[in-house]
Amino acid sequence: MGGKCPHRSVKKRRYSHKTHRRAKFLVKGDDMVYDGLNKADEQTKPLPPDQDLPGMGQFYCLHCDRYFNNAAVRDDHFKTKRHRRRVKLLMEAPHTQLDADLAAGMGMPDNGPKLMSF
């Protein structure tokens, strides 16, 4: 009953180990990052040093919610397709609960324009 598995190619379709581990860490949602970007325009304070974060927490990408070891790595990250897609995604406001309710038909009814009454 031993031998090779006939469906060995299934393993190739799974995520790589690095991608799978990256997904396990807590990542802020799009709405929280969007709010942080709006607050960043109002007030910009230098980040306090934190020994638990990479690069002492000094090199941070607001859009992707990631810390980097040094400025060169962060600047290389700014050129990647993943970062550019994230910036493009965050240009528009994220969906709200009101949008979800309207899409589900739970919002105010839309009966069309009022007709003239005689």
PDB file of N, CA and C in Angstrom:
ATOM      1  N   MET A   1       0.800  -1.200   0.000  1.00  0.00           N
ATOM      2  CA  MET A   1       0.000   0.000   0.000  1.00  0.00           C
ATOM      3  C   MET A   1       0.842   1.262   0.000  1.00  0.00           C
ATOM      4  N   GLY A   2       2.163   1.135   0.065  1.00  0.00           N
ATOM      5  CA  GLY A   2       3.007   2.309   0.110  1.00  0.00           C
ATOM      6  C   GLY A   2       3.256   2.853  -1.285  1.00  0.00           C
ATOM      7  N   GLY A   3       4.301   3.569  -1.432  1.00  0.00           N
ATOM      8  CA  GLY A   3       4.665   4.111  -2.731  1.00  0.00           C
ATOM      9  C   GLY A   3       4.379   5.590  -2.842  1.00  0.00           C
ATOM     10  N   LYS A   4       4.556   6.084  -4.039  1.00  0.00           N
ATOM     11  CA  LYS A   4       4.359   7.513  -4.269  1.00  0.00           C
ATOM     12  C   LYS A   4       2.878   7.854  -4.345  1.00  0.00           C
ATOM     13  N   CYS A   5       2.587   9.036  -3.945  1.00  0.00           N
ATOM     14  CA  CYS A   5       1.226   9.547  -4.034  1.00  0.00           C
ATOM     15  C   CYS A   5       0.943   9.902  -5.490  1.00  0.00           C
ATOM     16  N   PRO A   6      -0.193   9.461  -6.031  1.00  0.00           N
ATOM     17  CA  PRO A   6      -0.475   9.765  -7.444  1.00  0.00           C
ATOM     18  C   PRO A   6      -0.755  11.245  -7.698  1.00  0.00           C
ATOM     19  N   HIS A   7      -1.019  11.962  -6.661  1.00  0.00           N
ATOM     20  CA  HIS A   7      -1.370  13.383  -6.829  1.00  0.00           C
ATOM     21  C   HIS A   7      -0.292  14.266  -6.221  1.00  0.00           C
ATOM     22  N   ARG A   8       0.947  14.067  -6.572  1.00  0.00           N
ATOM     23  CA  ARG A   8       2.051  14.832  -6.018  1.00  0.00           C
ATOM     24  C   ARG A   8       2.020  16.294  -6.437  1.00  0.00           C
ATOM     25  N   SER A   9       1.417  16.574  -7.582  1.00  0.00           N
ATOM     26  CA  SER A   9       1.428  17.958  -8.073  1.00  0.00           C
ATOM     27  C   SER A   9       0.559  18.879  -7.239  1.00  0.00           C
ATOM     28  N   VAL A  10      -0.259  18.332  -6.348  1.00  0.00           N
ATOM     29  CA  VAL A  10      -1.107  19.164  -5.502  1.00  0.00           C
ATOM     30  C   VAL A  10      -0.250  20.038  -4.600  1.00  0.00           C
ATOM     31  N   LYS A  11       0.875  19.515  -4.113  1.00  0.00           N
ATOM     32  CA  LYS A  11       1.737  20.284  -3.224  1.00  0.00           C
ATOM     33  C   LYS A  11       2.300  21.517  -3.912  1.00  0.00           C
ATOM     34  N   LYS A  12       2.500  21.451  -5.200  1.00  0.00           N
ATOM     35  CA  LYS A  12       3.073  22.589  -5.918  1.00  0.00           C
ATOM     36  C   LYS A  12       2.110  23.758  -5.997  1.00  0.00           C
ATOM     37  N   ARG A  13       0.822  23.454  -5.926  1.00  0.00           N
ATOM     38  CA  ARG A  13      -0.169  24.520  -6.043  1.00  0.00           C
ATOM     39  C   ARG A  13      -0.397  25.267  -4.738  1.00  0.00           C
ATOM     40  N   ARG A  14       0.083  24.728  -3.640  1.00  0.00           N
ATOM     41  CA  ARG A  14      -0.095  25.389  -2.351  1.00  0.00           C
ATOM     42  C   ARG A  14       0.824  26.598  -2.252  1.00  0.00           C
ATOM     43  N   TYR A  15       0.503  27.461  -1.283  1.00  0.00           N
ATOM     44  CA  TYR A  15       1.353  28.632  -1.055  1.00  0.00           C
ATOM     45  C   TYR A  15       2.735  28.194  -0.578  1.00  0.00           C
ATOM     46  N   SER A  16       3.697  29.019  -0.843  1.00  0.00           N
ATOM     47  CA  SER A  16       5.024  28.734  -0.317  1.00  0.00           C
ATOM     48  C   SER A  16       5.012  28.934   1.194  1.00  0.00           C
ATOM     49  N   HIS A  17       5.980  28.388   1.852  1.00  0.00           N
ATOM     50  CA  HIS A  17       6.051  28.464   3.309  1.00  0.00           C
ATOM     51  C   HIS A  17       6.146  29.913   3.778  1.00  0.00           C
ATOM     52  N   LYS A  18       6.939  30.714   3.074  1.00  0.00           N
ATOM     53  CA  LYS A  18       7.132  32.109   3.466  1.00  0.00           C
ATOM     54  C   LYS A  18       5.828  32.897   3.339  1.00  0.00           C
ATOM     55  N   THR A  19       5.091  32.673   2.266  1.00  0.00           N
ATOM     56  CA  THR A  19       3.827  33.373   2.056  1.00  0.00           C
ATOM     57  C   THR A  19       2.812  32.961   3.117  1.00  0.00           C
ATOM     58  N   HIS A  20       2.791  31.680   3.436  1.00  0.00           N
ATOM     59  CA  HIS A  20       1.846  31.184   4.427  1.00  0.00           C
ATOM     60  C   HIS A  20       2.132  31.786   5.803  1.00  0.00           C
ATOM     61  N   ARG A  21       3.410  31.867   6.186  1.00  0.00           N
ATOM     62  CA  ARG A  21       3.762  32.444   7.478  1.00  0.00           C
ATOM     63  C   ARG A  21       3.469  33.937   7.534  1.00  0.00           C
ATOM     64  N   ARG A  22       3.664  34.627   6.414  1.00  0.00           N
ATOM     65  CA  ARG A  22       3.414  36.067   6.383  1.00  0.00           C
ATOM     66  C   ARG A  22       1.940  36.355   6.629  1.00  0.00           C
ATOM     67  N   ALA A  23       1.068  35.477   6.142  1.00  0.00           N
ATOM     68  CA  ALA A  23      -0.368  35.681   6.294  1.00  0.00           C
ATOM     69  C   ALA A  23      -0.825  35.468   7.737  1.00  0.00           C
ATOM     70  N   LYS A  24      -0.030  34.757   8.533  1.00  0.00           N
ATOM     71  CA  LYS A  24      -0.422  34.483   9.906  1.00  0.00           C
ATOM     72  C   LYS A  24      -0.320  35.709  10.799  1.00  0.00           C
ATOM     73  N   PHE A  25       0.607  36.607  10.499  1.00  0.00           N
ATOM     74  CA  PHE A  25       0.806  37.764  11.351  1.00  0.00           C
ATOM     75  C   PHE A  25      -0.357  38.741  11.207  1.00  0.00           C
ATOM     76  N   LEU A  26      -0.602  39.468  12.263  1.00  0.00           N
ATOM     77  CA  LEU A  26      -1.690  40.431  12.222  1.00  0.00           C
ATOM     78  C   LEU A  26      -1.365  41.557  11.255  1.00  0.00           C
ATOM     79  N   VAL A  27      -2.303  41.844  10.398  1.00  0.00           N
ATOM     80  CA  VAL A  27      -2.158  42.934   9.450  1.00  0.00           C
ATOM     81  C   VAL A  27      -3.384  43.817   9.607  1.00  0.00           C
ATOM     82  N   LYS A  28      -3.168  45.102   9.617  1.00  0.00           N
ATOM     83  CA  LYS A  28      -4.296  46.025   9.729  1.00  0.00           C
ATOM     84  C   LYS A  28      -5.200  45.893   8.516  1.00  0.00           C
ATOM     85  N   GLY A  29      -6.474  46.113   8.723  1.00  0.00           N
ATOM     86  CA  GLY A  29      -7.418  46.099   7.620  1.00  0.00           C
ATOM     87  C   GLY A  29      -7.277  47.344   6.772  1.00  0.00           C
ATOM     88  N   ASP A  30      -7.874  47.301   5.591  1.00  0.00           N
ATOM     89  CA  ASP A  30      -7.783  48.428   4.667  1.00  0.00           C
ATOM     90  C   ASP A  30      -8.364  49.702   5.268  1.00  0.00           C
ATOM     91  N   ASP A  31      -9.457  49.565   6.019  1.00  0.00           N
ATOM     92  CA  ASP A  31     -10.083  50.751   6.584  1.00  0.00           C
ATOM     93  C   ASP A  31      -9.201  51.402   7.653  1.00  0.00           C
ATOM     94  N   MET A  32      -8.502  50.595   8.447  1.00  0.00           N
ATOM     95  CA  MET A  32      -7.621  51.160   9.470  1.00  0.00           C
ATOM     96  C   MET A  32      -6.410  51.844   8.842  1.00  0.00           C
ATOM     97  N   VAL A  33      -5.869  51.249   7.776  1.00  0.00           N
ATOM     98  CA  VAL A  33      -4.727  51.856   7.092  1.00  0.00           C
ATOM     99  C   VAL A  33      -5.162  53.162   6.431  1.00  0.00           C
ATOM    100  N   TYR A  34      -6.360  53.171   5.838  1.00  0.00           N
ATOM    101  CA  TYR A  34      -6.887  54.379   5.188  1.00  0.00           C
ATOM    102  C   TYR A  34      -7.038  55.504   6.206  1.00  0.00           C
ATOM    103  N   ASP A  35      -7.561  55.184   7.397  1.00  0.00           N
ATOM    104  CA  ASP A  35      -7.690  56.201   8.445  1.00  0.00           C
ATOM    105  C   ASP A  35      -6.313  56.692   8.901  1.00  0.00           C
ATOM    106  N   GLY A  36      -5.355  55.782   8.979  1.00  0.00           N
ATOM    107  CA  GLY A  36      -4.001  56.169   9.376  1.00  0.00           C
ATOM    108  C   GLY A  36      -3.342  57.072   8.360  1.00  0.00           C
ATOM    109  N   LEU A  37      -3.627  56.848   7.075  1.00  0.00           N
ATOM    110  CA  LEU A  37      -3.067  57.714   6.038  1.00  0.00           C
ATOM    111  C   LEU A  37      -3.632  59.118   6.135  1.00  0.00           C
ATOM    112  N   ASN A  38      -4.918  59.235   6.440  1.00  0.00           N
ATOM    113  CA  ASN A  38      -5.518  60.562   6.584  1.00  0.00           C
ATOM    114  C   ASN A  38      -4.970  61.284   7.809  1.00  0.00           C
ATOM    115  N   LYS A  39      -4.708  60.553   8.884  1.00  0.00           N
ATOM    116  CA  LYS A  39      -4.138  61.174  10.074  1.00  0.00           C
ATOM    117  C   LYS A  39      -2.677  61.545   9.849  1.00  0.00           C
ATOM    118  N   ALA A  40      -1.991  60.791   8.989  1.00  0.00           N
ATOM    119  CA  ALA A  40      -0.573  61.060   8.741  1.00  0.00           C
ATOM    120  C   ALA A  40      -0.381  62.416   8.071  1.00  0.00           C
ATOM    121  N   ASP A  41      -1.358  62.833   7.266  1.00  0.00           N
ATOM    122  CA  ASP A  41      -1.250  64.140   6.633  1.00  0.00           C
ATOM    123  C   ASP A  41      -1.336  65.260   7.677  1.00  0.00           C
ATOM    124  N   GLU A  42      -2.170  65.059   8.696  1.00  0.00           N
ATOM    125  CA  GLU A  42      -2.361  66.091   9.703  1.00  0.00           C
ATOM    126  C   GLU A  42      -1.157  66.208  10.639  1.00  0.00           C
ATOM    127  N   GLN A  43      -0.663  65.072  11.091  1.00  0.00           N
ATOM    128  CA  GLN A  43       0.420  65.109  12.071  1.00  0.00           C
ATOM    129  C   GLN A  43       1.467  64.063  11.689  1.00  0.00           C
ATOM    130  N   THR A  44       2.712  64.489  11.608  1.00  0.00           N
ATOM    131  CA  THR A  44       3.801  63.559  11.324  1.00  0.00           C
ATOM    132  C   THR A  44       4.816  63.649  12.454  1.00  0.00           C
ATOM    133  N   LYS A  45       4.870  62.588  13.246  1.00  0.00           N
ATOM    134  CA  LYS A  45       5.822  62.515  14.342  1.00  0.00           C
ATOM    135  C   LYS A  45       6.825  61.423  14.017  1.00  0.00           C
ATOM    136  N   PRO A  46       8.071  61.583  14.440  1.00  0.00           N
ATOM    137  CA  PRO A  46       9.034  60.491  14.237  1.00  0.00           C
ATOM    138  C   PRO A  46       8.632  59.285  15.083  1.00  0.00           C
ATOM    139  N   LEU A  47       8.884  58.102  14.542  1.00  0.00           N
ATOM    140  CA  LEU A  47       8.515  56.885  15.244  1.00  0.00           C
ATOM    141  C   LEU A  47       9.450  56.646  16.425  1.00  0.00           C
ATOM    142  N   PRO A  48       8.910  56.234  17.559  1.00  0.00           N
ATOM    143  CA  PRO A  48       9.786  55.945  18.705  1.00  0.00           C
ATOM    144  C   PRO A  48      10.543  54.634  18.461  1.00  0.00           C
ATOM    145  N   PRO A  49      11.789  54.538  18.917  1.00  0.00           N
ATOM    146  CA  PRO A  49      12.542  53.289  18.718  1.00  0.00           C
ATOM    147  C   PRO A  49      11.913  52.130  19.484  1.00  0.00           C
ATOM    148  N   ASP A  50      11.806  50.984  18.835  1.00  0.00           N
ATOM    149  CA  ASP A  50      11.246  49.781  19.444  1.00  0.00           C
ATOM    150  C   ASP A  50      12.157  48.617  19.095  1.00  0.00           C
ATOM    151  N   GLN A  51      12.736  47.977  20.089  1.00  0.00           N
ATOM    152  CA  GLN A  51      13.703  46.923  19.840  1.00  0.00           C
ATOM    153  C   GLN A  51      13.074  45.656  19.283  1.00  0.00           C
ATOM    154  N   ASP A  52      11.782  45.471  19.457  1.00  0.00           N
ATOM    155  CA  ASP A  52      11.126  44.261  18.982  1.00  0.00           C
ATOM    156  C   ASP A  52      10.835  44.297  17.483  1.00  0.00           C
ATOM    157  N   LEU A  53      10.856  45.459  16.882  1.00  0.00           N
ATOM    158  CA  LEU A  53      10.526  45.585  15.468  1.00  0.00           C
ATOM    159  C   LEU A  53      11.794  45.601  14.622  1.00  0.00           C
ATOM    160  N   PRO A  54      11.693  45.191  13.348  1.00  0.00           N
ATOM    161  CA  PRO A  54      12.871  45.263  12.471  1.00  0.00           C
ATOM    162  C   PRO A  54      13.332  46.698  12.285  1.00  0.00           C
ATOM    163  N   GLY A  55      14.636  46.906  12.291  1.00  0.00           N
ATOM    164  CA  GLY A  55      15.190  48.246  12.106  1.00  0.00           C
ATOM    165  C   GLY A  55      14.820  49.199  13.216  1.00  0.00           C
ATOM    166  N   MET A  56      14.592  48.663  14.418  1.00  0.00           N
ATOM    167  CA  MET A  56      14.195  49.473  15.582  1.00  0.00           C
ATOM    168  C   MET A  56      12.897  50.242  15.329  1.00  0.00           C
ATOM    169  N   GLY A  57      12.102  49.812  14.378  1.00  0.00           N
ATOM    170  CA  GLY A  57      10.817  50.447  14.107  1.00  0.00           C
ATOM    171  C   GLY A  57      10.912  51.791  13.413  1.00  0.00           C
ATOM    172  N   GLN A  58      12.051  52.103  12.803  1.00  0.00           N
ATOM    173  CA  GLN A  58      12.241  53.420  12.205  1.00  0.00           C
ATOM    174  C   GLN A  58      11.863  53.471  10.732  1.00  0.00           C
ATOM    175  N   PHE A  59      11.846  52.339  10.058  1.00  0.00           N
ATOM    176  CA  PHE A  59      11.596  52.308   8.610  1.00  0.00           C
ATOM    177  C   PHE A  59      10.276  51.578   8.373  1.00  0.00           C
ATOM    178  N   TYR A  60       9.217  52.355   8.141  1.00  0.00           N
ATOM    179  CA  TYR A  60       7.848  51.836   8.117  1.00  0.00           C
ATOM    180  C   TYR A  60       7.142  52.278   6.846  1.00  0.00           C
ATOM    181  N   CYS A  61       6.378  51.382   6.252  1.00  0.00           N
ATOM    182  CA  CYS A  61       5.543  51.705   5.091  1.00  0.00           C
ATOM    183  C   CYS A  61       4.097  51.811   5.574  1.00  0.00           C
ATOM    184  N   LEU A  62       3.520  53.006   5.489  1.00  0.00           N
ATOM    185  CA  LEU A  62       2.155  53.217   5.966  1.00  0.00           C
ATOM    186  C   LEU A  62       1.133  52.428   5.148  1.00  0.00           C
ATOM    187  N   HIS A  63       1.330  52.366   3.844  1.00  0.00           N
ATOM    188  CA  HIS A  63       0.351  51.715   2.977  1.00  0.00           C
ATOM    189  C   HIS A  63       0.270  50.214   3.220  1.00  0.00           C
ATOM    190  N   CYS A  64       1.427  49.584   3.374  1.00  0.00           N
ATOM    191  CA  CYS A  64       1.477  48.122   3.498  1.00  0.00           C
ATOM    192  C   CYS A  64       1.525  47.659   4.951  1.00  0.00           C
ATOM    193  N   ASP A  65       1.683  48.581   5.895  1.00  0.00           N
ATOM    194  CA  ASP A  65       1.764  48.261   7.311  1.00  0.00           C
ATOM    195  C   ASP A  65       2.912  47.287   7.570  1.00  0.00           C
ATOM    196  N   ARG A  66       4.109  47.636   7.080  1.00  0.00           N
ATOM    197  CA  ARG A  66       5.288  46.780   7.230  1.00  0.00           C
ATOM    198  C   ARG A  66       6.473  47.597   7.723  1.00  0.00           C
ATOM    199  N   TYR A  67       7.316  46.955   8.508  1.00  0.00           N
ATOM    200  CA  TYR A  67       8.562  47.548   8.986  1.00  0.00           C
ATOM    201  C   TYR A  67       9.725  46.927   8.227  1.00  0.00           C
ATOM    202  N   PHE A  68      10.795  47.700   8.024  1.00  0.00           N
ATOM    203  CA  PHE A  68      11.951  47.234   7.273  1.00  0.00           C
ATOM    204  C   PHE A  68      13.221  47.462   8.082  1.00  0.00           C
ATOM    205  N   ASN A  69      14.275  46.719   7.722  1.00  0.00           N
ATOM    206  CA  ASN A  69      15.535  46.789   8.471  1.00  0.00           C
ATOM    207  C   ASN A  69      16.280  48.097   8.248  1.00  0.00           C
ATOM    208  N   ASN A  70      16.252  48.618   7.017  1.00  0.00           N
ATOM    209  CA  ASN A  70      16.962  49.870   6.747  1.00  0.00           C
ATOM    210  C   ASN A  70      16.245  50.623   5.632  1.00  0.00           C
ATOM    211  N   ALA A  71      16.725  51.821   5.361  1.00  0.00           N
ATOM    212  CA  ALA A  71      16.068  52.685   4.382  1.00  0.00           C
ATOM    213  C   ALA A  71      16.203  52.143   2.971  1.00  0.00           C
ATOM    214  N   ALA A  72      17.307  51.461   2.669  1.00  0.00           N
ATOM    215  CA  ALA A  72      17.506  50.936   1.313  1.00  0.00           C
ATOM    216  C   ALA A  72      16.467  49.859   0.993  1.00  0.00           C
ATOM    217  N   VAL A  73      16.197  48.990   1.945  1.00  0.00           N
ATOM    218  CA  VAL A  73      15.200  47.937   1.738  1.00  0.00           C
ATOM    219  C   VAL A  73      13.809  48.544   1.597  1.00  0.00           C
ATOM    220  N   ARG A  74      13.522  49.561   2.426  1.00  0.00           N
ATOM    221  CA  ARG A  74      12.222  50.226   2.329  1.00  0.00           C
ATOM    222  C   ARG A  74      12.055  50.921   0.981  1.00  0.00           C
ATOM    223  N   ASP A  75      13.110  51.576   0.498  1.00  0.00           N
ATOM    224  CA  ASP A  75      13.032  52.253  -0.795  1.00  0.00           C
ATOM    225  C   ASP A  75      12.867  51.254  -1.934  1.00  0.00           C
ATOM    226  N   ASP A  76      13.498  50.085  -1.830  1.00  0.00           N
ATOM    227  CA  ASP A  76      13.281  49.037  -2.830  1.00  0.00           C
ATOM    228  C   ASP A  76      11.838  48.540  -2.788  1.00  0.00           C
ATOM    229  N   HIS A  77      11.275  48.475  -1.589  1.00  0.00           N
ATOM    230  CA  HIS A  77       9.882  48.051  -1.443  1.00  0.00           C
ATOM    231  C   HIS A  77       8.932  49.032  -2.128  1.00  0.00           C
ATOM    232  N   PHE A  78       9.259  50.330  -2.065  1.00  0.00           N
ATOM    233  CA  PHE A  78       8.403  51.336  -2.695  1.00  0.00           C
ATOM    234  C   PHE A  78       8.310  51.135  -4.201  1.00  0.00           C
ATOM    235  N   LYS A  79       9.273  50.458  -4.810  1.00  0.00           N
ATOM    236  CA  LYS A  79       9.288  50.245  -6.257  1.00  0.00           C
ATOM    237  C   LYS A  79       8.585  48.960  -6.673  1.00  0.00           C
ATOM    238  N   THR A  80       8.155  48.133  -5.727  1.00  0.00           N
ATOM    239  CA  THR A  80       7.586  46.834  -6.067  1.00  0.00           C
ATOM    240  C   THR A  80       6.145  46.965  -6.538  1.00  0.00           C
ATOM    241  N   LYS A  81       5.723  45.954  -7.257  1.00  0.00           N
ATOM    242  CA  LYS A  81       4.359  45.919  -7.777  1.00  0.00           C
ATOM    243  C   LYS A  81       3.352  45.779  -6.638  1.00  0.00           C
ATOM    244  N   ARG A  82       3.714  45.029  -5.621  1.00  0.00           N
ATOM    245  CA  ARG A  82       2.821  44.822  -4.486  1.00  0.00           C
ATOM    246  C   ARG A  82       2.508  46.141  -3.785  1.00  0.00           C
ATOM    247  N   HIS A  83       3.518  46.982  -3.588  1.00  0.00           N
ATOM    248  CA  HIS A  83       3.310  48.280  -2.940  1.00  0.00           C
ATOM    249  C   HIS A  83       2.479  49.199  -3.820  1.00  0.00           C
ATOM    250  N   ARG A  84       2.786  49.222  -5.111  1.00  0.00           N
ATOM    251  CA  ARG A  84       2.039  50.116  -6.009  1.00  0.00           C
ATOM    252  C   ARG A  84       0.569  49.724  -6.089  1.00  0.00           C
ATOM    253  N   ARG A  85       0.286  48.430  -6.068  1.00  0.00           N
ATOM    254  CA  ARG A  85      -1.113  47.983  -6.071  1.00  0.00           C
ATOM    255  C   ARG A  85      -1.810  48.397  -4.791  1.00  0.00           C
ATOM    256  N   ARG A  86      -1.106  48.311  -3.688  1.00  0.00           N
ATOM    257  CA  ARG A  86      -1.677  48.682  -2.399  1.00  0.00           C
ATOM    258  C   ARG A  86      -1.984  50.182  -2.354  1.00  0.00           C
ATOM    259  N   VAL A  87      -1.088  51.000  -2.885  1.00  0.00           N
ATOM    260  CA  VAL A  87      -1.311  52.445  -2.925  1.00  0.00           C
ATOM    261  C   VAL A  87      -2.534  52.756  -3.785  1.00  0.00           C
ATOM    262  N   LYS A  88      -2.644  52.072  -4.918  1.00  0.00           N
ATOM    263  CA  LYS A  88      -3.778  52.292  -5.810  1.00  0.00           C
ATOM    264  C   LYS A  88      -5.086  51.865  -5.145  1.00  0.00           C
ATOM    265  N   LEU A  89      -5.041  50.780  -4.380  1.00  0.00           N
ATOM    266  CA  LEU A  89      -6.226  50.300  -3.679  1.00  0.00           C
ATOM    267  C   LEU A  89      -6.693  51.290  -2.621  1.00  0.00           C
ATOM    268  N   LEU A  90      -5.742  51.943  -1.959  1.00  0.00           N
ATOM    269  CA  LEU A  90      -6.084  52.846  -0.867  1.00  0.00           C
ATOM    270  C   LEU A  90      -6.377  54.274  -1.327  1.00  0.00           C
ATOM    271  N   MET A  91      -6.328  54.531  -2.640  1.00  0.00           N
ATOM    272  CA  MET A  91      -6.664  55.867  -3.139  1.00  0.00           C
ATOM    273  C   MET A  91      -8.135  56.192  -2.903  1.00  0.00           C
ATOM    274  N   GLU A  92      -8.996  55.189  -3.043  1.00  0.00           N
ATOM    275  CA  GLU A  92     -10.420  55.430  -2.826  1.00  0.00           C
ATOM    276  C   GLU A  92     -10.802  54.939  -1.435  1.00  0.00           C
ATOM    277  N   ALA A  93     -11.865  55.487  -0.896  1.00  0.00           N
ATOM    278  CA  ALA A  93     -12.287  55.137   0.455  1.00  0.00           C
ATOM    279  C   ALA A  93     -12.790  53.697   0.484  1.00  0.00           C
ATOM    280  N   PRO A  94     -12.507  52.962   1.551  1.00  0.00           N
ATOM    281  CA  PRO A  94     -12.983  51.581   1.643  1.00  0.00           C
ATOM    282  C   PRO A  94     -14.496  51.540   1.835  1.00  0.00           C
ATOM    283  N   HIS A  95     -15.062  50.373   1.612  1.00  0.00           N
ATOM    284  CA  HIS A  95     -16.506  50.212   1.763  1.00  0.00           C
ATOM    285  C   HIS A  95     -16.897  50.323   3.231  1.00  0.00           C
ATOM    286  N   THR A  96     -18.096  50.822   3.464  1.00  0.00           N
ATOM    287  CA  THR A  96     -18.602  50.974   4.823  1.00  0.00           C
ATOM    288  C   THR A  96     -19.782  50.033   5.031  1.00  0.00           C
ATOM    289  N   GLN A  97     -20.269  49.994   6.255  1.00  0.00           N
ATOM    290  CA  GLN A  97     -21.422  49.152   6.558  1.00  0.00           C
ATOM    291  C   GLN A  97     -22.655  49.639   5.817  1.00  0.00           C
ATOM    292  N   LEU A  98     -22.775  50.937   5.602  1.00  0.00           N
ATOM    293  CA  LEU A  98     -23.904  51.489   4.855  1.00  0.00           C
ATOM    294  C   LEU A  98     -23.892  50.969   3.418  1.00  0.00           C
ATOM    295  N   ASP A  99     -22.715  50.915   2.802  1.00  0.00           N
ATOM    296  CA  ASP A  99     -22.613  50.370   1.450  1.00  0.00           C
ATOM    297  C   ASP A  99     -23.068  48.914   1.410  1.00  0.00           C
ATOM    298  N   ALA A 100     -22.676  48.140   2.429  1.00  0.00           N
ATOM    299  CA  ALA A 100     -23.053  46.728   2.477  1.00  0.00           C
ATOM    300  C   ALA A 100     -24.564  46.571   2.643  1.00  0.00           C
ATOM    301  N   ASP A 101     -25.163  47.415   3.484  1.00  0.00           N
ATOM    302  CA  ASP A 101     -26.614  47.343   3.679  1.00  0.00           C
ATOM    303  C   ASP A 101     -27.368  47.700   2.406  1.00  0.00           C
ATOM    304  N   LEU A 102     -26.902  48.730   1.710  1.00  0.00           N
ATOM    305  CA  LEU A 102     -27.571  49.120   0.463  1.00  0.00           C
ATOM    306  C   LEU A 102     -27.436  48.036  -0.602  1.00  0.00           C
ATOM    307  N   ALA A 103     -26.297  47.378  -0.668  1.00  0.00           N
ATOM    308  CA  ALA A 103     -26.101  46.319  -1.645  1.00  0.00           C
ATOM    309  C   ALA A 103     -26.972  45.107  -1.344  1.00  0.00           C
ATOM    310  N   ALA A 104     -27.248  44.881  -0.061  1.00  0.00           N
ATOM    311  CA  ALA A 104     -28.080  43.747   0.329  1.00  0.00           C
ATOM    312  C   ALA A 104     -29.562  44.067   0.247  1.00  0.00           C
ATOM    313  N   GLY A 105     -29.902  45.308  -0.077  1.00  0.00           N
ATOM    314  CA  GLY A 105     -31.300  45.695  -0.186  1.00  0.00           C
ATOM    315  C   GLY A 105     -31.923  46.048   1.146  1.00  0.00           C
ATOM    316  N   MET A 106     -31.119  46.351   2.146  1.00  0.00           N
ATOM    317  CA  MET A 106     -31.650  46.663   3.468  1.00  0.00           C
ATOM    318  C   MET A 106     -31.702  48.159   3.728  1.00  0.00           C
ATOM    319  N   GLY A 107     -31.357  48.954   2.736  1.00  0.00           N
ATOM    320  CA  GLY A 107     -31.362  50.398   2.923  1.00  0.00           C
ATOM    321  C   GLY A 107     -32.715  50.996   2.610  1.00  0.00           C
ATOM    322  N   MET A 108     -32.730  52.298   2.398  1.00  0.00           N
ATOM    323  CA  MET A 108     -33.973  52.979   2.067  1.00  0.00           C
ATOM    324  C   MET A 108     -34.453  52.531   0.696  1.00  0.00           C
ATOM    325  N   PRO A 109     -35.753  52.360   0.522  1.00  0.00           N
ATOM    326  CA  PRO A 109     -36.256  51.908  -0.779  1.00  0.00           C
ATOM    327  C   PRO A 109     -36.117  53.000  -1.832  1.00  0.00           C
ATOM    328  N   ASP A 110     -35.835  52.595  -3.034  1.00  0.00           N
ATOM    329  CA  ASP A 110     -35.725  53.530  -4.145  1.00  0.00           C
ATOM    330  C   ASP A 110     -36.919  53.295  -5.058  1.00  0.00           C
ATOM    331  N   ASN A 111     -37.922  54.147  -4.914  1.00  0.00           N
ATOM    332  CA  ASN A 111     -39.146  53.987  -5.690  1.00  0.00           C
ATOM    333  C   ASN A 111     -39.128  54.790  -6.981  1.00  0.00           C
ATOM    334  N   GLY A 112     -38.046  55.383  -7.296  1.00  0.00           N
ATOM    335  CA  GLY A 112     -37.959  56.156  -8.516  1.00  0.00           C
ATOM    336  C   GLY A 112     -38.435  57.575  -8.326  1.00  0.00           C
ATOM    337  N   PRO A 113     -38.420  58.373  -9.405  1.00  0.00           N
ATOM    338  CA  PRO A 113     -38.862  59.763  -9.288  1.00  0.00           C
ATOM    339  C   PRO A 113     -40.376  59.851  -9.086  1.00  0.00           C
ATOM    340  N   LYS A 114     -40.797  60.883  -8.355  1.00  0.00           N
ATOM    341  CA  LYS A 114     -42.225  61.068  -8.130  1.00  0.00           C
ATOM    342  C   LYS A 114     -42.881  61.554  -9.416  1.00  0.00           C
ATOM    343  N   LEU A 115     -44.029  61.019  -9.672  1.00  0.00           N
ATOM    344  CA  LEU A 115     -44.799  61.424 -10.854  1.00  0.00           C
ATOM    345  C   LEU A 115     -45.693  62.601 -10.486  1.00  0.00           C
ATOM    346  N   MET A 116     -46.070  63.364 -11.512  1.00  0.00           N
ATOM    347  CA  MET A 116     -46.953  64.505 -11.259  1.00  0.00           C
ATOM    348  C   MET A 116     -48.337  64.007 -10.915  1.00  0.00           C
ATOM    349  N   SER A 117     -48.946  64.565  -9.872  1.00  0.00           N
ATOM    350  CA  SER A 117     -50.319  64.179  -9.502  1.00  0.00           C
ATOM    351  C   SER A 117     -51.258  65.317  -9.876  1.00  0.00           C
ATOM    352  N   PHE A 118     -52.446  64.965 -10.311  1.00  0.00           N
ATOM    353  CA  PHE A 118     -53.429  65.977 -10.763  1.00  0.00           C
ATOM    354  C   PHE A 118     -54.302  66.404  -9.662  1.00  0.00           C
TER     355      PHE A 118
END
